[in-house]
Structure formats: structure tokens, C-alpha cells
Amino acid sequence: INRFAYSIAMLAPQPETTATPANLDNSGWNGKLVYYMRGGVGIGHQQGTAMFTGGVWSEEKVIVPALLAQGYAVAASSGNETGVHYNLQLGGETAVKVKEHFVQTYGAPKYTVALGGSGGAVQQYVYAQNHHGLFDAGIPIQSYPDMVTQAIHVADCNLLEQYFLEDVTLNPAS
């Protein structure tokens, strides 16, 4: 969807069919959707891989099975992984399209909760602001304010280090 790989997981009593949402047996689904977003810092643009294709990451190994066991549906897209790209406008549009696809295929969830850490937390803040109604709640893990204001300080370190190195070298008595 939107040039990215996506995945949807939920408990199902039978194999997937091409039935309309009204005809699907969603008895294993509690009617609630968790939209999982991954972090990282990606430069450029690539497609990435779907969440369950490359396996689940560290905290996901605990969180995702627990969510599925409680009946939640879990949706994710490589377009909502800031380690793949850091274009938050494109990521927001992708989240909207993945959720629309979910609704068309399985029906509207009672509510949608965003979940993710670091860059996944940044996405929650921005998408909730820019796409009203996309999420009903957000759970930022390892909250991270934004890349731009954090990177400024990191970039200043090298400049300050060079300044102090030259100052000490040129004025050793000071």
C-alpha cells in the first residue's frame, strides 16, 4: 500500500477468504486495532519489509503475541518505520491508507491505538495532529520529541570540540 509492504495479523478461526467484512468470521478479533510503528532514522527512501516478514524486534517479541492473545488486530507498514525513511508526510498518508484497507477488508474497529517507540512515537504525535480520527489513542514507547531539534545538539558537539581543541592548542596557559 502506497509503495510499502504492510502486514495485518489477528486471530482467525479459519483461513483467510475473499468474503466481504460482513461475511468474515471475526470471532477471534475483539474489534480493536493496534497500529504498530517502528523507529530508527532512515536517510533517503526504500521500501523496507513487512513487520512479520523479517520477524519481530526486541520489545515486539513480548508485546505483539500478548496483543494477539487478547484478540487485538495488529497492523503495520514499512512506510511507518522511520528507519526506512523519515518523510512524515508520506508516512502519515501511508497509515491512513493502511487503516482504510483494514476497514474495507475486516470492518471498522471500535477504536485504533497507535503504538511504537522512538521514531514510532514521533509518528504518533505528528499523525494524530495531521490526520484527525486516524488514532483514538497513542502509546509512545521510549518517547522521542523529534529528529530536527535533537540532531542540532549532536551536530554542535563536533563544532564545540574543534573550538575547544584549537583554543587549548593556541592558548595552553589559559
Protein backbone atom coordinates (compact mmCIF):
# COMPACT_ATOMS: atom_id res chain seq x y z
CA ILE A 1 0.00 0.00 0.00
CA ASN A 2 1.44 3.37 -1.04
CA ARG A 3 4.58 1.56 -2.35
CA PHE A 4 5.32 -0.03 1.05
CA ALA A 5 4.98 -3.54 2.44
CA TYR A 6 2.26 -3.89 5.06
CA SER A 7 1.07 -6.60 7.40
CA ILE A 8 -2.10 -7.32 9.32
CA ALA A 9 -2.32 -10.00 11.98
CA MET A 10 -5.24 -11.24 14.08
CA LEU A 11 -6.52 -14.50 15.40
CA ALA A 12 -8.80 -16.22 12.92
CA PRO A 13 -10.80 -19.43 13.37
CA GLN A 14 -10.36 -20.30 9.67
CA PRO A 15 -8.07 -19.42 6.74
CA GLU A 16 -8.48 -16.01 5.11
CA THR A 17 -11.18 -15.76 2.46
CA THR A 18 -12.27 -13.19 -0.08
CA ALA A 19 -15.57 -12.64 1.73
CA THR A 20 -16.77 -9.13 2.45
CA PRO A 21 -16.20 -7.86 6.00
CA ALA A 22 -19.83 -8.62 6.82
CA ASN A 23 -19.32 -12.29 5.85
CA LEU A 24 -15.96 -12.85 7.59
CA ASP A 25 -15.80 -14.84 10.80
CA ASN A 26 -14.10 -12.26 13.02
CA SER A 27 -14.95 -14.11 16.23
CA GLY A 28 -11.25 -14.23 17.19
CA TRP A 29 -10.96 -10.45 16.90
CA ASN A 30 -12.03 -8.25 19.82
CA GLY A 31 -12.91 -5.43 17.41
CA LYS A 32 -9.90 -3.28 18.40
CA LEU A 33 -6.92 -2.35 16.23
CA VAL A 34 -3.34 -1.61 17.26
CA TYR A 35 -1.33 0.25 14.61
CA TYR A 36 2.33 -0.51 15.30
CA MET A 37 5.01 1.95 14.17
CA ARG A 38 8.72 1.31 14.28
CA GLY A 39 11.54 3.72 14.97
CA GLY A 40 15.04 4.31 13.67
CA VAL A 41 16.39 7.08 11.48
CA GLY A 42 16.32 6.37 7.78
CA ILE A 43 18.04 8.53 5.21
CA GLY A 44 16.63 8.51 1.71
CA HIS A 45 13.80 6.22 0.70
CA GLN A 46 13.47 2.47 0.46
CA GLN A 47 10.55 0.06 0.63
CA GLY A 48 11.57 -1.90 3.72
CA THR A 49 9.99 -5.21 4.74
CA ALA A 50 6.68 -6.06 6.35
CA MET A 51 6.71 -6.42 10.13
CA PHE A 52 6.17 -10.18 10.32
CA THR A 53 8.28 -11.00 7.24
CA GLY A 54 11.61 -10.08 8.83
CA GLY A 55 10.49 -11.14 12.29
CA VAL A 56 9.54 -9.04 15.25
CA TRP A 57 12.09 -6.91 17.10
CA SER A 58 13.07 -6.93 20.78
CA GLU A 59 10.06 -5.44 22.61
CA GLU A 60 7.73 -6.64 19.86
CA LYS A 61 8.50 -10.27 20.83
CA VAL A 62 6.64 -9.64 24.07
CA ILE A 63 4.06 -7.04 23.02
CA VAL A 64 2.70 -8.44 19.73
CA PRO A 65 1.92 -12.01 20.92
CA ALA A 66 0.24 -10.58 24.03
CA LEU A 67 -1.92 -8.27 21.89
CA LEU A 68 -2.91 -11.10 19.56
CA ALA A 69 -3.71 -13.38 22.51
CA GLN A 70 -6.09 -10.69 23.83
CA GLY A 71 -7.87 -10.56 20.47
CA TYR A 72 -6.44 -7.32 19.08
CA ALA A 73 -5.69 -6.95 15.39
CA VAL A 74 -2.20 -5.58 14.70
CA ALA A 75 -1.46 -3.57 11.55
CA ALA A 76 1.92 -2.25 10.45
CA SER A 77 3.62 -0.90 7.35
CA SER A 78 7.25 -0.44 6.40
CA GLY A 79 6.10 3.06 5.45
CA ASN A 80 5.60 3.66 9.19
CA GLU A 81 9.15 2.79 10.17
CA THR A 82 11.36 5.86 10.47
CA GLY A 83 14.37 3.57 9.97
CA VAL A 84 13.15 3.06 6.39
CA HIS A 85 12.53 6.75 5.69
CA TYR A 86 11.91 9.91 7.68
CA ASN A 87 9.28 11.52 5.46
CA LEU A 88 6.49 12.05 7.97
CA GLN A 89 4.05 13.34 5.37
CA LEU A 90 4.45 10.18 3.31
CA GLY A 91 4.27 8.05 6.47
CA GLY A 92 1.03 9.72 7.57
CA GLU A 93 -0.57 9.15 4.18
CA THR A 94 0.54 5.52 4.34
CA ALA A 95 -1.01 5.00 7.79
CA VAL A 96 -4.29 6.45 6.53
CA LYS A 97 -4.30 4.11 3.51
CA VAL A 98 -3.39 1.01 5.54
CA LYS A 99 -6.17 1.73 8.02
CA GLU A 100 -8.64 2.33 5.15
CA HIS A 101 -7.65 -1.05 3.70
CA PHE A 102 -8.14 -2.68 7.09
CA VAL A 103 -11.62 -1.16 7.43
CA GLN A 104 -12.62 -2.23 3.90
CA THR A 105 -11.38 -5.77 4.49
CA TYR A 106 -12.29 -6.51 8.12
CA GLY A 107 -14.70 -3.77 9.13
CA ALA A 108 -14.32 -0.66 11.26
CA PRO A 109 -12.58 -1.19 14.60
CA LYS A 110 -14.17 0.04 17.84
CA TYR A 111 -11.02 2.08 18.28
CA THR A 112 -7.45 2.27 16.99
CA VAL A 113 -4.45 2.63 19.29
CA ALA A 114 -1.08 3.71 17.91
CA LEU A 115 1.94 2.00 19.46
CA GLY A 116 5.64 2.48 18.84
CA GLY A 117 8.92 3.68 20.24
CA SER A 118 11.40 6.40 19.36
CA GLY A 119 10.59 7.29 15.73
CA GLY A 120 7.34 5.36 16.20
CA ALA A 121 6.48 7.78 19.00
CA VAL A 122 7.27 10.79 16.79
CA GLN A 123 4.92 9.41 14.15
CA GLN A 124 2.11 9.15 16.69
CA TYR A 125 2.45 12.82 17.65
CA VAL A 126 2.56 14.06 14.06
CA TYR A 127 -0.09 11.76 12.57
CA ALA A 128 -2.57 12.41 15.39
CA GLN A 129 -2.12 16.12 14.73
CA ASN A 130 -2.30 15.93 10.93
CA HIS A 131 -4.83 13.12 10.39
CA HIS A 132 -7.75 13.66 12.76
CA GLY A 133 -9.51 10.40 13.58
CA LEU A 134 -6.70 8.12 12.42
CA PHE A 135 -5.96 7.05 16.01
CA ASP A 136 -8.15 7.16 19.08
CA ALA A 137 -5.18 6.87 21.43
CA GLY A 138 -1.41 6.59 21.33
CA ILE A 139 1.12 4.75 23.45
CA PRO A 140 4.58 6.18 22.75
CA ILE A 141 7.31 3.85 23.99
CA GLN A 142 10.73 5.46 24.57
CA SER A 143 9.29 8.84 23.72
CA TYR A 144 11.39 10.92 21.38
CA PRO A 145 10.41 14.52 20.62
CA ASP A 146 11.64 14.90 17.04
CA MET A 147 14.70 14.40 14.89
CA VAL A 148 15.36 18.02 13.98
CA THR A 149 15.72 19.53 17.45
CA GLN A 150 17.74 16.54 18.68
CA ALA A 151 20.14 16.49 15.73
CA ILE A 152 21.03 20.17 16.17
CA HIS A 153 22.72 19.48 19.50
CA VAL A 154 24.58 16.46 18.18
CA ALA A 155 25.88 18.49 15.23
CA ASP A 156 27.07 21.23 17.60
CA CYS A 157 29.26 18.76 19.53
CA ASN A 158 31.85 18.46 16.78
CA LEU A 159 31.98 22.23 16.31
CA LEU A 160 32.43 22.85 20.03
CA GLU A 161 35.02 20.09 20.30
CA GLN A 162 37.03 21.66 17.47
CA TYR A 163 36.72 25.13 19.04
CA PHE A 164 37.96 23.97 22.43
CA LEU A 165 40.74 21.87 20.87
CA GLU A 166 42.02 24.87 18.92
CA ASP A 167 41.62 27.17 21.92
CA VAL A 168 43.66 24.85 24.14
CA THR A 169 46.27 24.29 21.42
CA LEU A 170 46.67 28.01 20.67
CA ASN A 171 46.44 29.17 24.31
CA PRO A 172 47.83 26.38 26.53
CA ALA A 173 48.20 28.66 29.57
CA SER A 174 44.55 29.67 29.66
